[in-house]
C-alpha cells in the first residue's frame, strides 16, 4: 500500500472514530422547552421549562429555580435541588428529528423503580426545537 493509500485509510479510520465518539455526545440544549402532559388524548400544554447552564426554572406558572446535573452516559438529568428535586423527579434526555428536537421526559423516580413504562401517562414531555414546526 502506497503512502497516499495509507493516509486515506487513516483518515477514514479517524472519521469513523470521530463519528462514534460524538454520537452520544449530545447534551440538553439550553433554552425554553415546551412541556406537555397527556391524559388519554392529545398533549396539553402544562408549562415552560427554562434550562440554563446547570440551572432550571419552571415558567407559567413560575416556580423557584433549581440546579441540575447531566449524565451523558445515562442520558439522564438529575435535579439537585428546587421543585423538581422535591418532587423526586428526573429527566430522560433524547434527541429526535436528526438533532432538530431535544426532549426531556420528566418522570418520577418512584414510577421508574416500578419499570421504565410504569405510569407513563403521568410523565411530562418537554421539547425544544430548532425550527418552528414544534415551537
N, C-alpha and C. Protein backbone atom coordinates (compact mmCIF):
# COMPACT_ATOMS: atom_id res chain seq x y z
N UNK A 1 0.85 -1.17 0.00
CA UNK A 1 0.00 0.00 0.00
C UNK A 1 0.90 1.23 0.00
N UNK A 2 0.67 2.17 -0.92
CA UNK A 2 1.46 3.38 -1.00
C UNK A 2 1.13 4.36 0.11
N UNK A 3 1.95 5.38 0.28
CA UNK A 3 1.75 6.34 1.37
C UNK A 3 0.43 7.10 1.22
N UNK A 4 0.02 7.37 -0.02
CA UNK A 4 -1.26 8.04 -0.24
C UNK A 4 -2.43 7.19 0.21
N UNK A 5 -2.36 5.89 -0.10
CA UNK A 5 -3.43 4.98 0.30
C UNK A 5 -3.46 4.82 1.81
N UNK A 6 -2.29 4.78 2.43
CA UNK A 6 -2.22 4.67 3.90
C UNK A 6 -2.86 5.90 4.54
N UNK A 7 -2.54 7.08 4.02
CA UNK A 7 -3.12 8.30 4.57
C UNK A 7 -4.64 8.32 4.41
N UNK A 8 -5.15 7.89 3.26
CA UNK A 8 -6.59 7.84 3.06
C UNK A 8 -7.24 6.84 4.02
N UNK A 9 -6.57 5.71 4.22
CA UNK A 9 -7.08 4.69 5.15
C UNK A 9 -7.11 5.24 6.58
N UNK A 10 -6.05 5.92 6.99
CA UNK A 10 -6.00 6.50 8.33
C UNK A 10 -7.05 7.61 8.49
N UNK A 11 -7.27 8.39 7.45
CA UNK A 11 -8.29 9.44 7.51
C UNK A 11 -9.68 8.83 7.66
N UNK A 12 -9.93 7.73 6.95
CA UNK A 12 -11.23 7.06 7.06
C UNK A 12 -11.44 6.52 8.47
N UNK A 13 -10.40 5.92 9.03
CA UNK A 13 -10.49 5.40 10.41
C UNK A 13 -10.75 6.54 11.38
N UNK A 14 -10.04 7.66 11.23
CA UNK A 14 -10.23 8.81 12.11
C UNK A 14 -11.65 9.35 12.02
N UNK A 15 -12.21 9.40 10.81
CA UNK A 15 -13.58 9.89 10.63
C UNK A 15 -14.58 8.98 11.33
N UNK A 16 -14.40 7.67 11.22
CA UNK A 16 -15.29 6.72 11.89
C UNK A 16 -15.19 6.88 13.40
N UNK A 17 -13.97 7.00 13.92
CA UNK A 17 -13.79 7.17 15.37
C UNK A 17 -14.41 8.47 15.86
N UNK A 18 -14.26 9.53 15.08
CA UNK A 18 -14.85 10.82 15.46
C UNK A 18 -16.36 10.74 15.50
N UNK A 19 -16.97 10.08 14.49
CA UNK A 19 -18.43 9.93 14.48
C UNK A 19 -18.88 9.09 15.66
N UNK A 20 -18.17 8.05 15.98
CA UNK A 20 -18.56 7.17 17.10
C UNK A 20 -18.44 7.90 18.42
N UNK A 21 -17.42 8.73 18.58
CA UNK A 21 -17.24 9.41 19.85
C UNK A 21 -18.23 10.55 20.03
N UNK A 22 -18.69 11.15 18.92
CA UNK A 22 -19.63 12.26 19.05
C UNK A 22 -21.08 11.81 19.02
N UNK A 23 -21.34 10.54 18.69
CA UNK A 23 -22.72 10.07 18.58
C UNK A 23 -23.47 10.21 19.88
N UNK A 24 -22.86 9.90 21.00
CA UNK A 24 -23.53 10.02 22.29
C UNK A 24 -23.17 11.29 23.03
N UNK A 25 -22.57 12.24 22.32
CA UNK A 25 -22.05 13.44 22.97
C UNK A 25 -23.10 14.55 23.11
N UNK A 26 -24.30 14.33 22.67
CA UNK A 26 -25.33 15.36 22.78
C UNK A 26 -25.63 15.67 24.24
N UNK A 27 -25.84 16.92 24.52
CA UNK A 27 -26.27 17.36 25.85
C UNK A 27 -27.53 18.20 25.64
N UNK A 28 -28.36 18.32 26.67
CA UNK A 28 -29.57 19.13 26.50
C UNK A 28 -29.22 20.56 26.08
N UNK A 29 -29.86 21.01 25.04
CA UNK A 29 -29.67 22.37 24.56
C UNK A 29 -30.27 23.33 25.58
N UNK A 30 -29.59 24.44 25.82
CA UNK A 30 -30.12 25.45 26.73
C UNK A 30 -31.23 26.22 26.04
N UNK A 31 -32.26 26.58 26.80
CA UNK A 31 -33.36 27.33 26.22
C UNK A 31 -34.69 27.01 26.87
N UNK A 32 -35.75 27.40 26.20
CA UNK A 32 -37.11 27.29 26.72
C UNK A 32 -37.81 26.07 26.11
N UNK A 33 -38.06 25.06 26.92
CA UNK A 33 -38.72 23.83 26.49
C UNK A 33 -40.23 23.97 26.73
N UNK A 34 -41.02 23.46 25.82
CA UNK A 34 -42.47 23.40 25.97
C UNK A 34 -42.80 22.05 26.59
N UNK A 35 -43.52 22.06 27.73
CA UNK A 35 -43.84 20.81 28.43
C UNK A 35 -45.32 20.48 28.29
N UNK A 36 -45.58 19.26 27.84
CA UNK A 36 -46.94 18.77 27.64
C UNK A 36 -47.21 17.60 28.56
N UNK A 37 -48.47 17.46 28.93
CA UNK A 37 -48.92 16.30 29.68
C UNK A 37 -50.00 15.60 28.87
N UNK A 38 -50.09 14.30 29.02
CA UNK A 38 -51.06 13.50 28.27
C UNK A 38 -51.95 12.77 29.25
N UNK A 39 -53.25 12.83 29.01
CA UNK A 39 -54.19 12.09 29.87
C UNK A 39 -55.20 11.36 28.99
N UNK A 40 -54.70 10.61 28.02
CA UNK A 40 -55.56 9.83 27.16
C UNK A 40 -55.91 10.49 25.85
N UNK A 41 -55.62 11.75 25.70
CA UNK A 41 -55.93 12.45 24.46
C UNK A 41 -54.69 13.14 23.94
N UNK A 42 -54.90 14.18 23.15
CA UNK A 42 -53.74 14.92 22.64
C UNK A 42 -53.02 15.62 23.80
N UNK A 43 -51.75 15.91 23.58
CA UNK A 43 -50.97 16.59 24.62
C UNK A 43 -51.53 17.94 24.97
N UNK A 44 -51.50 18.26 26.25
CA UNK A 44 -51.98 19.57 26.72
C UNK A 44 -50.81 20.34 27.30
N UNK A 45 -50.73 21.62 26.96
CA UNK A 45 -49.67 22.47 27.47
C UNK A 45 -49.76 22.51 29.00
N UNK A 46 -48.63 22.34 29.67
CA UNK A 46 -48.57 22.41 31.13
C UNK A 46 -47.76 23.62 31.59
N UNK A 47 -46.55 23.79 31.03
CA UNK A 47 -45.67 24.89 31.42
C UNK A 47 -44.47 24.93 30.50
N UNK A 48 -43.64 25.95 30.71
CA UNK A 48 -42.34 26.03 30.05
C UNK A 48 -41.28 25.64 31.06
N UNK A 49 -40.22 25.04 30.57
CA UNK A 49 -39.07 24.72 31.39
C UNK A 49 -37.88 25.46 30.80
N UNK A 50 -37.36 26.43 31.55
CA UNK A 50 -36.20 27.20 31.11
C UNK A 50 -34.95 26.51 31.61
N UNK A 51 -34.12 26.05 30.67
CA UNK A 51 -32.89 25.35 31.03
C UNK A 51 -31.71 26.28 30.78
N UNK A 52 -30.96 26.54 31.85
CA UNK A 52 -29.74 27.34 31.76
C UNK A 52 -28.54 26.46 32.06
N UNK A 53 -27.37 27.07 32.11
CA UNK A 53 -26.17 26.30 32.43
C UNK A 53 -26.25 25.87 33.88
N UNK A 54 -26.52 24.60 34.11
CA UNK A 54 -26.62 23.99 35.43
C UNK A 54 -27.83 24.44 36.25
N UNK A 55 -28.74 25.23 35.68
CA UNK A 55 -29.93 25.67 36.41
C UNK A 55 -31.19 25.42 35.57
N UNK A 56 -32.31 25.33 36.27
CA UNK A 56 -33.59 25.18 35.59
C UNK A 56 -34.63 26.00 36.34
N UNK A 57 -35.67 26.41 35.62
CA UNK A 57 -36.79 27.09 36.26
C UNK A 57 -38.04 26.83 35.44
N UNK A 58 -39.09 26.45 36.15
CA UNK A 58 -40.39 26.27 35.51
C UNK A 58 -41.05 27.64 35.38
N UNK A 59 -41.63 27.88 34.21
CA UNK A 59 -42.34 29.15 33.94
C UNK A 59 -43.78 28.85 33.58
N UNK A 60 -44.67 29.73 33.98
CA UNK A 60 -46.10 29.68 33.65
C UNK A 60 -46.75 28.38 34.11
N UNK A 61 -46.91 28.11 35.36
CA UNK A 61 -46.66 29.01 36.49
C UNK A 61 -45.17 29.00 36.88
N UNK A 62 -44.75 30.14 37.39
CA UNK A 62 -43.35 30.29 37.80
C UNK A 62 -43.11 29.62 39.13
N UNK A 63 -42.06 28.83 39.19
CA UNK A 63 -41.59 28.21 40.43
C UNK A 63 -40.17 28.68 40.68
N UNK A 64 -39.67 28.43 41.87
CA UNK A 64 -38.30 28.82 42.17
C UNK A 64 -37.34 28.04 41.28
N UNK A 65 -36.19 28.60 41.06
CA UNK A 65 -35.16 27.94 40.24
C UNK A 65 -34.48 26.84 41.03
N UNK A 66 -33.87 25.93 40.33
CA UNK A 66 -33.11 24.86 40.94
C UNK A 66 -31.88 24.55 40.11
N UNK A 67 -31.10 23.62 40.58
CA UNK A 67 -29.89 23.21 39.86
C UNK A 67 -30.05 21.77 39.38
N UNK A 68 -29.35 21.45 38.29
CA UNK A 68 -29.38 20.10 37.75
C UNK A 68 -27.98 19.69 37.31
N UNK A 69 -27.80 18.39 37.16
CA UNK A 69 -26.60 17.83 36.54
C UNK A 69 -27.05 16.95 35.39
N UNK A 70 -26.14 16.67 34.48
CA UNK A 70 -26.46 15.81 33.35
C UNK A 70 -25.42 14.71 33.23
N UNK A 71 -25.89 13.47 33.18
CA UNK A 71 -25.03 12.31 32.99
C UNK A 71 -25.14 11.90 31.52
N UNK A 72 -24.11 12.21 30.72
CA UNK A 72 -24.16 11.95 29.29
C UNK A 72 -24.23 10.46 28.98
N UNK A 73 -23.56 9.64 29.77
CA UNK A 73 -23.56 8.19 29.51
C UNK A 73 -24.96 7.60 29.71
N UNK A 74 -25.66 8.05 30.73
CA UNK A 74 -27.01 7.54 31.03
C UNK A 74 -28.10 8.36 30.35
N UNK A 75 -27.72 9.52 29.74
CA UNK A 75 -28.69 10.43 29.13
C UNK A 75 -29.76 10.81 30.15
N UNK A 76 -29.31 11.19 31.35
CA UNK A 76 -30.21 11.44 32.47
C UNK A 76 -29.94 12.81 33.09
N UNK A 77 -31.00 13.56 33.31
CA UNK A 77 -30.94 14.84 34.01
C UNK A 77 -31.32 14.57 35.46
N UNK A 78 -30.46 14.95 36.38
CA UNK A 78 -30.74 14.80 37.81
C UNK A 78 -30.96 16.19 38.40
N UNK A 79 -32.08 16.39 39.03
CA UNK A 79 -32.39 17.67 39.65
C UNK A 79 -31.83 17.66 41.07
N UNK A 80 -30.87 18.52 41.31
CA UNK A 80 -30.12 18.53 42.57
C UNK A 80 -30.92 19.19 43.68
N UNK A 81 -31.59 20.28 43.35
CA UNK A 81 -32.43 20.97 44.33
C UNK A 81 -33.55 21.68 43.58
N UNK A 82 -34.38 22.40 44.29
CA UNK A 82 -35.51 23.08 43.66
C UNK A 82 -36.74 22.20 43.62
N UNK A 83 -37.80 22.68 42.96
CA UNK A 83 -39.09 21.98 42.99
C UNK A 83 -39.07 20.58 42.37
N UNK A 84 -38.30 20.37 41.31
CA UNK A 84 -38.29 19.04 40.69
C UNK A 84 -37.56 18.03 41.57
N UNK A 85 -36.53 18.49 42.28
CA UNK A 85 -35.84 17.60 43.24
C UNK A 85 -36.80 17.25 44.38
N UNK A 86 -37.55 18.23 44.86
CA UNK A 86 -38.51 17.97 45.95
C UNK A 86 -39.61 17.01 45.51
N UNK A 87 -39.98 17.06 44.21
CA UNK A 87 -40.98 16.13 43.67
C UNK A 87 -40.39 14.76 43.38
N UNK A 88 -39.08 14.62 43.55
CA UNK A 88 -38.38 13.36 43.30
C UNK A 88 -38.45 12.96 41.82
N UNK A 89 -38.29 13.97 40.94
CA UNK A 89 -38.30 13.75 39.51
C UNK A 89 -36.88 13.67 38.96
N UNK A 90 -36.76 13.06 37.79
CA UNK A 90 -35.54 13.12 37.00
C UNK A 90 -35.97 13.29 35.55
N UNK A 91 -35.02 13.51 34.66
CA UNK A 91 -35.34 13.67 33.25
C UNK A 91 -34.61 12.67 32.39
N UNK A 92 -35.34 12.08 31.44
CA UNK A 92 -34.73 11.21 30.42
C UNK A 92 -34.53 12.08 29.18
N UNK A 93 -33.29 12.18 28.74
CA UNK A 93 -32.96 13.05 27.62
C UNK A 93 -32.83 12.26 26.32
N UNK A 94 -33.33 12.84 25.23
CA UNK A 94 -33.14 12.24 23.91
C UNK A 94 -33.10 13.34 22.86
N UNK A 95 -32.57 12.99 21.71
CA UNK A 95 -32.51 13.89 20.56
C UNK A 95 -33.28 13.23 19.43
N UNK A 96 -34.16 14.00 18.80
CA UNK A 96 -35.01 13.47 17.73
C UNK A 96 -34.92 14.35 16.49
N UNK A 97 -35.50 13.85 15.43
CA UNK A 97 -35.58 14.58 14.16
C UNK A 97 -34.20 15.09 13.73
N UNK A 98 -33.22 14.15 13.72
CA UNK A 98 -31.87 14.43 13.25
C UNK A 98 -31.24 15.62 13.96
N UNK A 99 -31.48 15.72 15.27
CA UNK A 99 -30.87 16.77 16.07
C UNK A 99 -31.67 18.05 16.17
N UNK A 100 -32.80 18.15 15.48
CA UNK A 100 -33.59 19.38 15.50
C UNK A 100 -34.38 19.53 16.79
N UNK A 101 -34.72 18.42 17.43
CA UNK A 101 -35.54 18.47 18.64
C UNK A 101 -34.82 17.79 19.79
N UNK A 102 -34.71 18.50 20.89
CA UNK A 102 -34.20 17.93 22.13
C UNK A 102 -35.39 17.71 23.05
N UNK A 103 -35.44 16.53 23.66
CA UNK A 103 -36.58 16.18 24.50
C UNK A 103 -36.10 15.72 25.88
N UNK A 104 -36.79 16.20 26.90
CA UNK A 104 -36.56 15.76 28.27
C UNK A 104 -37.90 15.27 28.80
N UNK A 105 -37.97 13.99 29.14
CA UNK A 105 -39.19 13.43 29.73
C UNK A 105 -39.02 13.48 31.24
N UNK A 106 -39.87 14.28 31.89
CA UNK A 106 -39.85 14.39 33.35
C UNK A 106 -40.62 13.22 33.93
N UNK A 107 -39.99 12.54 34.87
CA UNK A 107 -40.55 11.29 35.38
C UNK A 107 -40.25 11.13 36.86
N UNK A 108 -41.16 10.52 37.58
CA UNK A 108 -40.99 10.22 39.00
C UNK A 108 -40.00 9.07 39.18
N UNK A 109 -39.07 9.22 40.11
CA UNK A 109 -38.13 8.14 40.40
C UNK A 109 -38.86 6.91 40.94
N UNK A 110 -39.94 7.13 41.70
CA UNK A 110 -40.71 6.00 42.24
C UNK A 110 -41.37 5.21 41.12
N UNK A 111 -41.91 5.89 40.11
CA UNK A 111 -42.53 5.19 38.98
C UNK A 111 -41.47 4.44 38.18
N UNK A 112 -40.31 5.04 38.01
CA UNK A 112 -39.23 4.39 37.27
C UNK A 112 -38.78 3.11 37.97
N UNK A 113 -38.82 3.11 39.30
CA UNK A 113 -38.44 1.92 40.06
C UNK A 113 -39.40 0.75 39.78
N UNK A 114 -40.64 1.07 39.41
CA UNK A 114 -41.63 0.03 39.07
C UNK A 114 -41.41 -0.52 37.67
N UNK A 115 -40.67 0.19 36.85
CA UNK A 115 -40.40 -0.24 35.48
C UNK A 115 -40.36 0.96 34.57
N UNK A 116 -39.63 0.86 33.47
CA UNK A 116 -39.44 2.02 32.59
C UNK A 116 -40.71 2.53 31.92
N UNK A 117 -41.76 1.70 31.86
CA UNK A 117 -43.01 2.15 31.24
C UNK A 117 -44.14 2.33 32.24
N UNK A 118 -43.87 2.12 33.52
CA UNK A 118 -44.91 2.25 34.55
C UNK A 118 -45.37 3.71 34.65
N UNK A 119 -46.67 3.91 34.68
CA UNK A 119 -47.29 5.23 34.88
C UNK A 119 -46.86 6.25 33.82
N UNK A 120 -46.64 5.81 32.59
CA UNK A 120 -46.20 6.74 31.55
C UNK A 120 -47.15 7.91 31.36
N UNK A 121 -48.43 7.70 31.63
CA UNK A 121 -49.42 8.76 31.45
C UNK A 121 -49.18 9.92 32.43
N UNK A 122 -48.35 9.71 33.44
CA UNK A 122 -48.06 10.78 34.39
C UNK A 122 -46.73 11.48 34.12
N UNK A 123 -46.07 11.14 33.01
CA UNK A 123 -44.85 11.83 32.61
C UNK A 123 -45.20 13.19 32.01
N UNK A 124 -44.21 14.06 31.97
CA UNK A 124 -44.33 15.33 31.26
C UNK A 124 -43.26 15.35 30.19
N UNK A 125 -43.64 15.73 28.97
CA UNK A 125 -42.76 15.67 27.81
C UNK A 125 -42.39 17.09 27.41
N UNK A 126 -41.12 17.43 27.60
CA UNK A 126 -40.64 18.79 27.34
C UNK A 126 -39.74 18.78 26.11
N UNK A 127 -40.04 19.64 25.14
CA UNK A 127 -39.27 19.67 23.90
C UNK A 127 -38.80 21.08 23.57
N UNK A 128 -37.64 21.13 22.93
CA UNK A 128 -37.08 22.38 22.41
C UNK A 128 -36.66 22.07 20.98
N UNK A 129 -37.16 22.85 20.03
CA UNK A 129 -36.87 22.60 18.61
C UNK A 129 -36.11 23.75 18.01
N UNK A 130 -35.29 23.43 16.99
CA UNK A 130 -34.54 24.46 16.29
C UNK A 130 -35.30 25.03 15.11
N UNK A 131 -36.48 24.50 14.83
CA UNK A 131 -37.30 25.05 13.76
C UNK A 131 -38.67 25.40 14.33
N UNK A 132 -39.51 25.98 13.52
CA UNK A 132 -40.80 26.46 14.02
C UNK A 132 -41.87 25.37 14.05
N UNK A 133 -41.56 24.16 13.59
CA UNK A 133 -42.57 23.12 13.49
C UNK A 133 -43.20 22.79 14.85
N UNK A 134 -42.37 22.70 15.91
CA UNK A 134 -42.87 22.26 17.20
C UNK A 134 -42.69 23.30 18.28
N UNK A 135 -42.58 24.56 17.94
CA UNK A 135 -42.39 25.61 18.95
C UNK A 135 -43.71 26.02 19.55
